[in-house]
Amino acid sequence: MSRRRISRIMKEEGLVSKYTVAQFKPTKSTCNESEVGNVLNREFDQDQELKVVVSDLTYVRVDKKWHYICILVDLYNREIIGYSADPNKTVALVQRAFTSVPYNLNRLEIFHTDRGNECKNQLFDEALEVFGIERSLSEKGSPYDNAVAEAMFKTIKTEFVNGTNFLCQQALDLELFDYVHWFNNIRIHGSLDYLTPVEYKLMHS
């Protein structure tokens, strides 16, 4: 389709694009200098369910303050298997995302993130060890090592965050629950042959 036709259809349907209004000013934080290497090594196409899970954080406006969202993504079918939101950017945010996973954590083999300090915690590392989950970190200053999570959050910001006014944490939690359900069960993905993550998993199981 041409852009003019898309523009005409959008006007007829009353659709508008979303754009960022409030700008986030990140605070400076030290890099996670852990000796853990990049085990994933940009192998983003996985043929086994729950083998590799990637994660990242983003910010969202809640009543004039910045809160944070954490998601866990299964590289096999791009399904959001875990998520959490909180006013604070701490390891507890990531831990709660793991507690929301509806699958047996023993099935996870690799957990990959960038070098943010949110995941730098001895108790968190011990928990991963209990479930036999190997840690993987992006190389310092290389966002392409976690490209899938980065792309996911670009989509989430466009479809869910931008243009939405969350009045409180509870409102964010409820809306995030609805969005994750829609993302996994209704939204089609070009990388999945235009199937939803759940449809793709059922078809290829």
N, C-alpha and C. Protein backbone atom coordinates (compact mmCIF):
# COMPACT_ATOMS: atom_id res chain seq x y z
N MET A 1 0.84 -1.20 0.00
CA MET A 1 0.00 0.00 0.00
C MET A 1 0.87 1.25 0.00
N SER A 2 0.37 2.30 -0.62
CA SER A 2 1.08 3.57 -0.58
C SER A 2 0.78 4.28 0.73
N ARG A 3 1.62 5.23 1.08
CA ARG A 3 1.40 6.00 2.32
C ARG A 3 0.11 6.82 2.25
N ARG A 4 -0.23 7.30 1.06
CA ARG A 4 -1.44 8.11 0.92
C ARG A 4 -2.68 7.27 1.21
N ARG A 5 -2.66 6.02 0.73
CA ARG A 5 -3.82 5.16 0.97
C ARG A 5 -3.94 4.81 2.45
N ILE A 6 -2.79 4.52 3.05
CA ILE A 6 -2.79 4.22 4.49
C ILE A 6 -3.30 5.43 5.27
N SER A 7 -2.84 6.63 4.89
CA SER A 7 -3.29 7.85 5.56
C SER A 7 -4.79 8.05 5.42
N ARG A 8 -5.32 7.77 4.21
CA ARG A 8 -6.75 7.93 3.98
C ARG A 8 -7.56 6.95 4.82
N ILE A 9 -7.10 5.70 4.87
CA ILE A 9 -7.82 4.69 5.66
C ILE A 9 -7.78 5.04 7.14
N MET A 10 -6.63 5.51 7.61
CA MET A 10 -6.52 5.90 9.02
C MET A 10 -7.49 7.03 9.36
N LYS A 11 -7.61 8.02 8.45
CA LYS A 11 -8.54 9.12 8.69
C LYS A 11 -9.98 8.62 8.72
N GLU A 12 -10.32 7.70 7.81
CA GLU A 12 -11.69 7.17 7.76
C GLU A 12 -12.03 6.39 9.02
N GLU A 13 -11.02 5.70 9.58
CA GLU A 13 -11.25 4.88 10.77
C GLU A 13 -10.99 5.63 12.08
N GLY A 14 -10.57 6.89 11.95
CA GLY A 14 -10.31 7.68 13.15
C GLY A 14 -9.06 7.25 13.89
N LEU A 15 -8.06 6.75 13.17
CA LEU A 15 -6.83 6.26 13.79
C LEU A 15 -5.74 7.31 13.72
N VAL A 16 -4.95 7.40 14.80
CA VAL A 16 -3.81 8.32 14.83
C VAL A 16 -2.60 7.59 15.36
N SER A 17 -1.41 8.03 14.98
CA SER A 17 -0.17 7.43 15.47
C SER A 17 0.14 7.94 16.87
N LYS A 18 0.93 7.17 17.61
CA LYS A 18 1.32 7.56 18.95
C LYS A 18 2.73 8.12 18.94
N TYR A 19 2.95 9.17 19.71
CA TYR A 19 4.27 9.78 19.81
C TYR A 19 4.57 10.07 21.27
N THR A 20 5.84 10.02 21.62
CA THR A 20 6.25 10.30 22.98
C THR A 20 6.04 11.78 23.30
N VAL A 21 5.48 12.05 24.46
CA VAL A 21 5.27 13.41 24.92
C VAL A 21 6.27 13.74 26.01
N ALA A 22 6.17 13.07 27.14
CA ALA A 22 7.12 13.29 28.23
C ALA A 22 8.44 12.61 27.91
N GLN A 23 9.53 13.28 28.20
CA GLN A 23 10.84 12.74 27.91
C GLN A 23 11.50 12.23 29.19
N PHE A 24 12.06 11.05 29.10
CA PHE A 24 12.71 10.43 30.24
C PHE A 24 14.16 10.88 30.33
N LYS A 25 14.59 11.29 31.52
CA LYS A 25 15.97 11.69 31.75
C LYS A 25 16.63 10.63 32.64
N PRO A 26 17.37 9.71 32.03
CA PRO A 26 17.96 8.62 32.82
C PRO A 26 19.01 9.13 33.79
N THR A 27 19.06 8.49 34.94
CA THR A 27 20.11 8.81 35.91
C THR A 27 21.32 7.96 35.60
N LYS A 28 22.50 8.50 35.85
CA LYS A 28 23.72 7.78 35.56
C LYS A 28 23.91 6.64 36.55
N SER A 29 24.24 5.47 36.05
CA SER A 29 24.49 4.32 36.91
C SER A 29 25.71 3.57 36.39
N THR A 30 26.37 2.89 37.29
CA THR A 30 27.56 2.16 36.90
C THR A 30 27.17 0.90 36.14
N CYS A 31 28.07 0.45 35.30
CA CYS A 31 27.83 -0.75 34.50
C CYS A 31 28.13 -2.00 35.32
N ASN A 32 27.39 -3.06 35.05
CA ASN A 32 27.64 -4.34 35.70
C ASN A 32 28.93 -4.92 35.12
N GLU A 33 29.97 -4.94 35.93
CA GLU A 33 31.28 -5.39 35.48
C GLU A 33 31.50 -6.89 35.70
N SER A 34 30.41 -7.65 35.82
CA SER A 34 30.53 -9.08 36.05
C SER A 34 31.36 -9.75 34.96
N GLU A 35 32.05 -10.81 35.33
CA GLU A 35 32.87 -11.56 34.37
C GLU A 35 32.05 -12.52 33.51
N VAL A 36 30.74 -12.59 33.77
CA VAL A 36 29.87 -13.43 32.96
C VAL A 36 29.91 -12.95 31.51
N GLY A 37 30.05 -13.88 30.58
CA GLY A 37 30.19 -13.52 29.17
C GLY A 37 28.88 -13.58 28.41
N ASN A 38 28.96 -13.31 27.12
CA ASN A 38 27.80 -13.33 26.24
C ASN A 38 27.59 -14.75 25.70
N VAL A 39 26.93 -15.57 26.51
CA VAL A 39 26.69 -16.97 26.14
C VAL A 39 25.75 -17.06 24.94
N LEU A 40 24.76 -16.18 24.89
CA LEU A 40 23.78 -16.19 23.80
C LEU A 40 24.43 -15.89 22.46
N ASN A 41 25.34 -14.93 22.44
CA ASN A 41 26.11 -14.59 21.23
C ASN A 41 25.21 -14.29 20.03
N ARG A 42 24.16 -13.55 20.27
CA ARG A 42 23.21 -13.09 19.24
C ARG A 42 22.52 -14.22 18.47
N GLU A 43 22.40 -15.38 19.08
CA GLU A 43 21.67 -16.48 18.45
C GLU A 43 20.19 -16.35 18.83
N PHE A 44 19.52 -15.40 18.19
CA PHE A 44 18.16 -15.04 18.57
C PHE A 44 17.10 -16.00 18.03
N ASP A 45 17.43 -16.78 17.04
CA ASP A 45 16.47 -17.75 16.49
C ASP A 45 16.66 -19.09 17.20
N GLN A 46 15.71 -19.40 18.07
CA GLN A 46 15.78 -20.63 18.85
C GLN A 46 14.67 -21.59 18.42
N ASP A 47 14.97 -22.88 18.40
CA ASP A 47 13.99 -23.87 17.96
C ASP A 47 13.45 -24.71 19.11
N GLN A 48 13.69 -24.26 20.33
CA GLN A 48 13.22 -25.00 21.50
C GLN A 48 12.53 -24.04 22.47
N GLU A 49 11.32 -24.39 22.86
CA GLU A 49 10.54 -23.55 23.77
C GLU A 49 11.23 -23.40 25.12
N LEU A 50 11.29 -22.15 25.61
CA LEU A 50 11.82 -21.80 26.93
C LEU A 50 13.32 -22.05 27.10
N LYS A 51 14.02 -22.35 26.03
CA LYS A 51 15.45 -22.60 26.17
C LYS A 51 16.20 -21.31 26.52
N VAL A 52 15.86 -20.23 25.83
CA VAL A 52 16.54 -18.96 26.07
C VAL A 52 15.49 -17.87 26.34
N VAL A 53 15.66 -17.19 27.45
CA VAL A 53 14.78 -16.08 27.82
C VAL A 53 15.62 -14.81 27.91
N VAL A 54 15.15 -13.75 27.26
CA VAL A 54 15.85 -12.45 27.33
C VAL A 54 14.98 -11.47 28.09
N SER A 55 15.62 -10.44 28.64
CA SER A 55 14.88 -9.49 29.46
C SER A 55 15.47 -8.10 29.32
N ASP A 56 14.64 -7.12 29.64
CA ASP A 56 15.08 -5.73 29.68
C ASP A 56 14.05 -4.93 30.47
N LEU A 57 14.40 -3.68 30.77
CA LEU A 57 13.52 -2.78 31.50
C LEU A 57 13.24 -1.55 30.67
N THR A 58 12.08 -0.93 30.91
CA THR A 58 11.79 0.37 30.31
C THR A 58 11.02 1.19 31.33
N TYR A 59 10.80 2.45 31.01
CA TYR A 59 10.15 3.38 31.93
C TYR A 59 8.77 3.74 31.41
N VAL A 60 7.90 4.16 32.33
CA VAL A 60 6.55 4.55 31.98
C VAL A 60 6.09 5.63 32.96
N ARG A 61 5.31 6.56 32.47
CA ARG A 61 4.84 7.68 33.29
C ARG A 61 3.63 7.25 34.12
N VAL A 62 3.72 7.44 35.43
CA VAL A 62 2.61 7.15 36.33
C VAL A 62 2.42 8.34 37.27
N ASP A 63 1.35 9.08 37.06
CA ASP A 63 1.03 10.24 37.90
C ASP A 63 2.23 11.16 38.10
N LYS A 64 2.81 11.61 37.00
CA LYS A 64 3.91 12.58 36.99
C LYS A 64 5.24 12.03 37.50
N LYS A 65 5.31 10.71 37.70
CA LYS A 65 6.56 10.10 38.12
C LYS A 65 6.91 8.95 37.17
N TRP A 66 8.18 8.59 37.12
CA TRP A 66 8.62 7.48 36.27
C TRP A 66 8.60 6.18 37.05
N HIS A 67 7.88 5.20 36.51
CA HIS A 67 7.90 3.84 37.03
C HIS A 67 8.58 2.95 35.99
N TYR A 68 8.75 1.67 36.32
CA TYR A 68 9.52 0.80 35.44
C TYR A 68 8.77 -0.51 35.16
N ILE A 69 9.00 -1.04 33.96
CA ILE A 69 8.41 -2.31 33.54
C ILE A 69 9.54 -3.27 33.19
N CYS A 70 9.41 -4.51 33.61
CA CYS A 70 10.35 -5.56 33.25
C CYS A 70 9.57 -6.66 32.53
N ILE A 71 10.13 -7.17 31.43
CA ILE A 71 9.50 -8.29 30.74
C ILE A 71 10.53 -9.39 30.51
N LEU A 72 10.04 -10.62 30.45
CA LEU A 72 10.83 -11.79 30.12
C LEU A 72 10.27 -12.36 28.82
N VAL A 73 11.11 -12.53 27.82
CA VAL A 73 10.66 -12.95 26.50
C VAL A 73 11.31 -14.27 26.11
N ASP A 74 10.49 -15.22 25.69
CA ASP A 74 10.98 -16.50 25.18
C ASP A 74 11.38 -16.32 23.71
N LEU A 75 12.65 -16.53 23.40
CA LEU A 75 13.12 -16.33 22.03
C LEU A 75 12.48 -17.29 21.03
N TYR A 76 11.96 -18.40 21.51
CA TYR A 76 11.38 -19.40 20.62
C TYR A 76 10.18 -18.83 19.86
N ASN A 77 9.27 -18.16 20.57
CA ASN A 77 8.06 -17.66 19.91
C ASN A 77 7.73 -16.21 20.29
N ARG A 78 8.72 -15.51 20.87
CA ARG A 78 8.56 -14.09 21.24
C ARG A 78 7.42 -13.88 22.24
N GLU A 79 7.07 -14.90 22.98
CA GLU A 79 6.02 -14.78 23.98
C GLU A 79 6.54 -14.07 25.23
N ILE A 80 5.75 -13.16 25.77
CA ILE A 80 6.08 -12.54 27.05
C ILE A 80 5.65 -13.52 28.14
N ILE A 81 6.62 -14.20 28.73
CA ILE A 81 6.28 -15.24 29.72
C ILE A 81 6.27 -14.71 31.14
N GLY A 82 6.84 -13.54 31.36
CA GLY A 82 6.87 -12.96 32.69
C GLY A 82 6.95 -11.45 32.59
N TYR A 83 6.39 -10.75 33.58
CA TYR A 83 6.41 -9.29 33.55
C TYR A 83 6.14 -8.74 34.95
N SER A 84 6.55 -7.51 35.17
CA SER A 84 6.29 -6.83 36.44
C SER A 84 6.44 -5.34 36.23
N ALA A 85 5.89 -4.56 37.16
CA ALA A 85 6.02 -3.10 37.13
C ALA A 85 6.19 -2.60 38.56
N ASP A 86 6.96 -1.52 38.70
CA ASP A 86 7.26 -1.04 40.05
C ASP A 86 7.78 0.40 39.97
N PRO A 87 7.62 1.17 41.05
CA PRO A 87 8.17 2.53 41.06
C PRO A 87 9.69 2.55 41.10
N ASN A 88 10.31 1.44 41.50
CA ASN A 88 11.75 1.41 41.69
C ASN A 88 12.43 0.45 40.70
N LYS A 89 13.59 0.87 40.24
CA LYS A 89 14.37 0.08 39.28
C LYS A 89 15.39 -0.75 40.06
N THR A 90 14.93 -1.87 40.61
CA THR A 90 15.78 -2.71 41.46
C THR A 90 15.68 -4.16 41.03
N VAL A 91 16.48 -5.01 41.68
CA VAL A 91 16.45 -6.44 41.37
C VAL A 91 15.11 -7.05 41.73
N ALA A 92 14.39 -6.45 42.68
CA ALA A 92 13.07 -6.96 43.07
C ALA A 92 12.10 -6.92 41.89
N LEU A 93 12.26 -5.94 41.01
CA LEU A 93 11.42 -5.83 39.82
C LEU A 93 11.61 -7.05 38.92
N VAL A 94 12.86 -7.46 38.74
CA VAL A 94 13.18 -8.63 37.91
C VAL A 94 12.73 -9.92 38.60
N GLN A 95 12.91 -9.99 39.90
CA GLN A 95 12.50 -11.18 40.64
C GLN A 95 11.00 -11.40 40.53
N ARG A 96 10.21 -10.32 40.62
CA ARG A 96 8.76 -10.46 40.52
C ARG A 96 8.35 -10.89 39.12
N ALA A 97 9.10 -10.46 38.11
CA ALA A 97 8.81 -10.91 36.75
C ALA A 97 8.98 -12.43 36.66
N PHE A 98 9.99 -12.96 37.32
CA PHE A 98 10.21 -14.40 37.32
C PHE A 98 9.10 -15.13 38.06
N THR A 99 8.61 -14.54 39.15
CA THR A 99 7.55 -15.21 39.91
C THR A 99 6.23 -15.25 39.13
N SER A 100 6.10 -14.41 38.10
CA SER A 100 4.87 -14.40 37.30
C SER A 100 4.89 -15.42 36.17
N VAL A 101 6.04 -16.05 35.94
CA VAL A 101 6.16 -17.03 34.86
C VAL A 101 5.28 -18.25 35.17
N PRO A 102 4.36 -18.63 34.27
CA PRO A 102 3.46 -19.76 34.54
C PRO A 102 4.05 -21.13 34.22
N TYR A 103 5.32 -21.17 33.83
CA TYR A 103 5.95 -22.42 33.46
C TYR A 103 6.98 -22.84 34.52
N ASN A 104 7.38 -24.09 34.46
CA ASN A 104 8.41 -24.61 35.36
C ASN A 104 9.75 -23.96 35.02
N LEU A 105 10.32 -23.23 35.98
CA LEU A 105 11.56 -22.52 35.72
C LEU A 105 12.74 -23.46 35.46
N ASN A 106 12.61 -24.71 35.83
CA ASN A 106 13.67 -25.69 35.55
C ASN A 106 13.83 -25.93 34.05
N ARG A 107 12.85 -25.52 33.26
CA ARG A 107 12.93 -25.71 31.81
C ARG A 107 13.81 -24.65 31.15
N LEU A 108 14.01 -23.52 31.84
CA LEU A 108 14.83 -22.45 31.28
C LEU A 108 16.30 -22.85 31.33
N GLU A 109 17.02 -22.58 30.25
CA GLU A 109 18.44 -22.92 30.19
C GLU A 109 19.34 -21.69 30.27
N ILE A 110 18.95 -20.61 29.58
CA ILE A 110 19.79 -19.41 29.53
C ILE A 110 18.92 -18.17 29.78
N PHE A 111 19.42 -17.27 30.63
CA PHE A 111 18.76 -16.00 30.89
C PHE A 111 19.72 -14.89 30.48
N HIS A 112 19.32 -14.10 29.47
CA HIS A 112 20.22 -13.08 28.90
C HIS A 112 19.66 -11.68 29.11
N THR A 113 20.54 -10.75 29.54
CA THR A 113 20.18 -9.34 29.68
C THR A 113 21.37 -8.48 29.28
N ASP A 114 21.16 -7.17 29.30
CA ASP A 114 22.29 -6.26 29.15
C ASP A 114 23.00 -6.16 30.50
N ARG A 115 23.91 -5.21 30.65
CA ARG A 115 24.72 -5.12 31.86
C ARG A 115 24.17 -4.12 32.88
N GLY A 116 22.87 -3.97 32.92
CA GLY A 116 22.26 -3.12 33.94
C GLY A 116 22.43 -3.73 35.32
N ASN A 117 22.57 -2.88 36.33
CA ASN A 117 22.80 -3.37 37.68
C ASN A 117 21.56 -3.96 38.34
N GLU A 118 20.40 -3.89 37.66
CA GLU A 118 19.19 -4.44 38.25
C GLU A 118 19.31 -5.95 38.50
N CYS A 119 20.10 -6.61 37.69
CA CYS A 119 20.23 -8.07 37.81
C CYS A 119 21.53 -8.47 38.52
N LYS A 120 22.22 -7.50 39.07
CA LYS A 120 23.47 -7.79 39.77
C LYS A 120 23.17 -7.95 41.25
N ASN A 121 22.89 -9.17 41.65
CA ASN A 121 22.50 -9.43 43.03
C ASN A 121 22.83 -10.89 43.35
N GLN A 122 23.48 -11.11 44.48
CA GLN A 122 23.92 -12.46 44.84
C GLN A 122 22.74 -13.41 45.04
N LEU A 123 21.69 -12.91 45.71
CA LEU A 123 20.53 -13.76 45.96
C LEU A 123 19.85 -14.14 44.65
N PHE A 124 19.80 -13.20 43.72
CA PHE A 124 19.20 -13.46 42.41
C PHE A 124 20.02 -14.51 41.66
N ASP A 125 21.35 -14.35 41.70
CA ASP A 125 22.23 -15.33 41.04
C ASP A 125 22.06 -16.72 41.65
N GLU A 126 21.90 -16.77 42.97
CA GLU A 126 21.71 -18.05 43.65
C GLU A 126 20.39 -18.70 43.25
N ALA A 127 19.37 -17.87 43.06
CA ALA A 127 18.07 -18.39 42.64
C ALA A 127 18.16 -19.00 41.24
N LEU A 128 18.87 -18.33 40.34
CA LEU A 128 19.06 -18.88 39.00
C LEU A 128 19.82 -20.20 39.07
N GLU A 129 20.79 -20.26 39.97
CA GLU A 129 21.59 -21.48 40.11
C GLU A 129 20.74 -22.64 40.61
N VAL A 130 19.80 -22.35 41.50
CA VAL A 130 18.90 -23.38 42.02
C VAL A 130 18.10 -24.03 40.89
N PHE A 131 17.67 -23.21 39.94
CA PHE A 131 16.86 -23.72 38.83
C PHE A 131 17.73 -24.16 37.64
N GLY A 132 19.04 -24.08 37.78
CA GLY A 132 19.93 -24.52 36.72
C GLY A 132 19.91 -23.63 35.50
N ILE A 133 19.70 -22.32 35.71
CA ILE A 133 19.62 -21.38 34.60
C ILE A 133 20.97 -20.68 34.44
N GLU A 134 21.55 -20.79 33.25
CA GLU A 134 22.84 -20.17 32.98
C GLU A 134 22.67 -18.69 32.68
N ARG A 135 23.57 -17.87 33.19
CA ARG A 135 23.52 -16.42 33.01
C ARG A 135 24.27 -16.01 31.75
N SER A 136 23.75 -15.01 31.05
CA SER A 136 24.41 -14.47 29.86
C SER A 136 24.24 -12.96 29.86
N LEU A 137 25.33 -12.23 29.60
CA LEU A 137 25.30 -10.77 29.59
C LEU A 137 25.81 -10.23 28.26
N SER A 138 25.17 -9.16 27.79
CA SER A 138 25.65 -8.48 26.59
C SER A 138 27.04 -7.93 26.84
N GLU A 139 27.78 -7.74 25.77
CA GLU A 139 29.07 -7.06 25.90
C GLU A 139 28.82 -5.60 26.28
N LYS A 140 29.74 -5.02 26.99
CA LYS A 140 29.61 -3.65 27.46
C LYS A 140 29.43 -2.69 26.28
N GLY A 141 28.37 -1.87 26.35
CA GLY A 141 28.12 -0.88 25.32
C GLY A 141 27.65 -1.44 24.00
N SER A 142 27.06 -2.65 24.00
CA SER A 142 26.61 -3.27 22.75
C SER A 142 25.13 -3.64 22.84
N PRO A 143 24.21 -2.70 22.53
CA PRO A 143 22.78 -2.99 22.61
C PRO A 143 22.31 -4.05 21.63
N TYR A 144 23.08 -4.28 20.55
CA TYR A 144 22.68 -5.29 19.57
C TYR A 144 22.75 -6.71 20.14
N ASP A 145 23.48 -6.90 21.23
CA ASP A 145 23.56 -8.21 21.86
C ASP A 145 22.24 -8.60 22.53
N ASN A 146 21.37 -7.61 22.74
CA ASN A 146 20.05 -7.89 23.33
C ASN A 146 18.97 -7.29 22.43
N ALA A 147 19.17 -7.47 21.13
CA ALA A 147 18.34 -6.79 20.12
C ALA A 147 16.86 -7.14 20.21
N VAL A 148 16.53 -8.39 20.52
CA VAL A 148 15.12 -8.79 20.57
C VAL A 148 14.39 -8.06 21.68
N ALA A 149 15.00 -8.00 22.87
CA ALA A 149 14.38 -7.30 23.99
C ALA A 149 14.25 -5.81 23.68
N GLU A 150 15.27 -5.24 23.05
CA GLU A 150 15.23 -3.83 22.67
C GLU A 150 14.08 -3.57 21.70
N ALA A 151 13.92 -4.45 20.71
CA ALA A 151 12.85 -4.30 19.72
C ALA A 151 11.47 -4.48 20.37
N MET A 152 11.39 -5.40 21.32
CA MET A 152 10.13 -5.63 22.01
C MET A 152 9.68 -4.38 22.74
N PHE A 153 10.62 -3.71 23.40
CA PHE A 153 10.25 -2.53 24.15
C PHE A 153 9.91 -1.35 23.24
N LYS A 154 10.49 -1.31 22.08
CA LYS A 154 10.09 -0.29 21.11
C LYS A 154 8.63 -0.48 20.74
N THR A 155 8.25 -1.75 20.54
CA THR A 155 6.85 -2.07 20.23
C THR A 155 5.95 -1.74 21.41
N ILE A 156 6.36 -2.11 22.61
CA ILE A 156 5.55 -1.87 23.81
C ILE A 156 5.35 -0.38 24.04
N LYS A 157 6.41 0.41 23.83
CA LYS A 157 6.28 1.85 24.01
C LYS A 157 5.28 2.43 23.02
N THR A 158 5.30 1.95 21.78
CA THR A 158 4.40 2.46 20.76
C THR A 158 2.96 2.04 21.01
N GLU A 159 2.75 0.77 21.33
CA GLU A 159 1.40 0.22 21.44
C GLU A 159 0.78 0.40 22.82
N PHE A 160 1.60 0.49 23.85
CA PHE A 160 1.06 0.45 25.20
C PHE A 160 1.37 1.71 26.02
N VAL A 161 2.62 2.17 25.98
CA VAL A 161 3.04 3.25 26.88
C VAL A 161 2.69 4.63 26.34
N ASN A 162 3.08 4.91 25.10
CA ASN A 162 2.91 6.26 24.55
C ASN A 162 1.45 6.67 24.48
N GLY A 163 1.17 7.86 24.97
CA GLY A 163 -0.18 8.39 24.89
C GLY A 163 -1.12 7.88 25.96
N THR A 164 -0.62 7.06 26.89
CA THR A 164 -1.46 6.52 27.95
C THR A 164 -1.12 7.19 29.28
N ASN A 165 -2.13 7.60 30.02
CA ASN A 165 -1.94 8.24 31.31
C ASN A 165 -2.34 7.28 32.42
N PHE A 166 -1.34 6.73 33.10
CA PHE A 166 -1.60 5.83 34.22
C PHE A 166 -1.68 6.66 35.50
N LEU A 167 -2.81 6.58 36.19
CA LEU A 167 -3.01 7.42 37.36
C LEU A 167 -2.32 6.87 38.61
N CYS A 168 -2.10 5.55 38.65
CA CYS A 168 -1.47 4.95 39.82
C CYS A 168 -0.84 3.62 39.43
N GLN A 169 -0.09 3.03 40.35
CA GLN A 169 0.58 1.76 40.08
C GLN A 169 -0.43 0.65 39.79
N GLN A 170 -1.54 0.63 40.51
CA GLN A 170 -2.56 -0.40 40.30
C GLN A 170 -3.13 -0.33 38.88
N ALA A 171 -3.35 0.89 38.40
CA ALA A 171 -3.86 1.06 37.03
C ALA A 171 -2.85 0.53 36.02
N LEU A 172 -1.57 0.80 36.25
CA LEU A 172 -0.53 0.28 35.36
C LEU A 172 -0.51 -1.24 35.38
N ASP A 173 -0.61 -1.83 36.57
CA ASP A 173 -0.59 -3.29 36.69
C ASP A 173 -1.73 -3.93 35.91
N LEU A 174 -2.92 -3.36 36.02
CA LEU A 174 -4.10 -3.92 35.34
C LEU A 174 -3.97 -3.78 33.82
N GLU A 175 -3.52 -2.62 33.37
CA GLU A 175 -3.36 -2.39 31.94
C GLU A 175 -2.25 -3.27 31.36
N LEU A 176 -1.18 -3.45 32.13
CA LEU A 176 -0.08 -4.30 31.67
C LEU A 176 -0.53 -5.75 31.55
N PHE A 177 -1.33 -6.22 32.49
CA PHE A 177 -1.89 -7.57 32.43
C PHE A 177 -2.69 -7.76 31.14
N ASP A 178 -3.55 -6.78 30.83
CA ASP A 178 -4.37 -6.86 29.62
C ASP A 178 -3.51 -6.83 28.36
N TYR A 179 -2.48 -5.97 28.37
CA TYR A 179 -1.64 -5.85 27.19
C TYR A 179 -0.87 -7.14 26.92
N VAL A 180 -0.31 -7.74 27.95
CA VAL A 180 0.46 -8.98 27.78
C VAL A 180 -0.45 -10.08 27.23
N HIS A 181 -1.68 -10.17 27.73
CA HIS A 181 -2.62 -11.17 27.21
C HIS A 181 -2.90 -10.91 25.73
N TRP A 182 -3.12 -9.65 25.37
CA TRP A 182 -3.37 -9.30 23.97
C TRP A 182 -2.15 -9.60 23.11
N PHE A 183 -0.96 -9.26 23.61
CA PHE A 183 0.28 -9.45 22.85
C PHE A 183 0.52 -10.93 22.56
N ASN A 184 0.27 -11.78 23.54
CA ASN A 184 0.55 -13.21 23.39
C ASN A 184 -0.54 -13.96 22.62
N ASN A 185 -1.78 -13.52 22.74
CA ASN A 185 -2.89 -14.31 22.21
C ASN A 185 -3.61 -13.72 21.00
N ILE A 186 -3.45 -12.42 20.76
CA ILE A 186 -4.22 -11.78 19.69
C ILE A 186 -3.32 -11.10 18.67
N ARG A 187 -2.25 -10.47 19.10
CA ARG A 187 -1.40 -9.71 18.18
C ARG A 187 -0.58 -10.65 17.30
N ILE A 188 -0.68 -10.48 15.98
CA ILE A 188 0.10 -11.31 15.07
C ILE A 188 1.50 -10.72 14.90
N HIS A 189 2.49 -11.58 14.59
CA HIS A 189 3.88 -11.16 14.45
C HIS A 189 4.41 -11.60 13.09
N GLY A 190 5.00 -10.65 12.36
CA GLY A 190 5.56 -10.96 11.06
C GLY A 190 6.66 -12.00 11.14
N SER A 191 7.45 -11.97 12.23
CA SER A 191 8.54 -12.93 12.39
C SER A 191 8.05 -14.33 12.70
N LEU A 192 6.75 -14.46 13.00
CA LEU A 192 6.15 -15.77 13.32
C LEU A 192 5.17 -16.20 12.22
N ASP A 193 5.44 -15.81 11.00
CA ASP A 193 4.55 -16.13 9.88
C ASP A 193 3.14 -15.59 10.11
N TYR A 194 3.06 -14.43 10.74
CA TYR A 194 1.81 -13.74 11.01
C TYR A 194 0.86 -14.57 11.88
N LEU A 195 1.46 -15.24 12.85
CA LEU A 195 0.71 -15.93 13.89
C LEU A 195 0.95 -15.22 15.21
N THR A 196 0.10 -15.47 16.19
CA THR A 196 0.36 -14.97 17.53
C THR A 196 1.39 -15.89 18.19
N PRO A 197 2.08 -15.44 19.25
CA PRO A 197 3.03 -16.32 19.93
C PRO A 197 2.40 -17.64 20.39
N VAL A 198 1.19 -17.57 20.91
CA VAL A 198 0.53 -18.80 21.38
C VAL A 198 0.18 -19.70 20.21
N GLU A 199 -0.33 -19.14 19.12
CA GLU A 199 -0.65 -19.94 17.93
C GLU A 199 0.60 -20.61 17.37
N TYR A 200 1.68 -19.86 17.33
CA TYR A 200 2.94 -20.40 16.80
C TYR A 200 3.40 -21.58 17.64
N LYS A 201 3.32 -21.44 18.94
CA LYS A 201 3.75 -22.51 19.84
C LYS A 201 2.89 -23.75 19.66
N LEU A 202 1.57 -23.57 19.57
CA LEU A 202 0.68 -24.70 19.41
C LEU A 202 0.89 -25.40 18.06
N MET A 203 1.15 -24.62 17.03
CA MET A 203 1.31 -25.17 15.69
C MET A 203 2.62 -25.95 15.55
N HIS A 204 3.66 -25.54 16.28
CA HIS A 204 4.96 -26.16 16.13
C HIS A 204 5.33 -27.11 17.27
N SER A 205 4.43 -27.29 18.20
CA SER A 205 4.72 -28.21 19.30
C SER A 205 4.68 -29.65 18.82
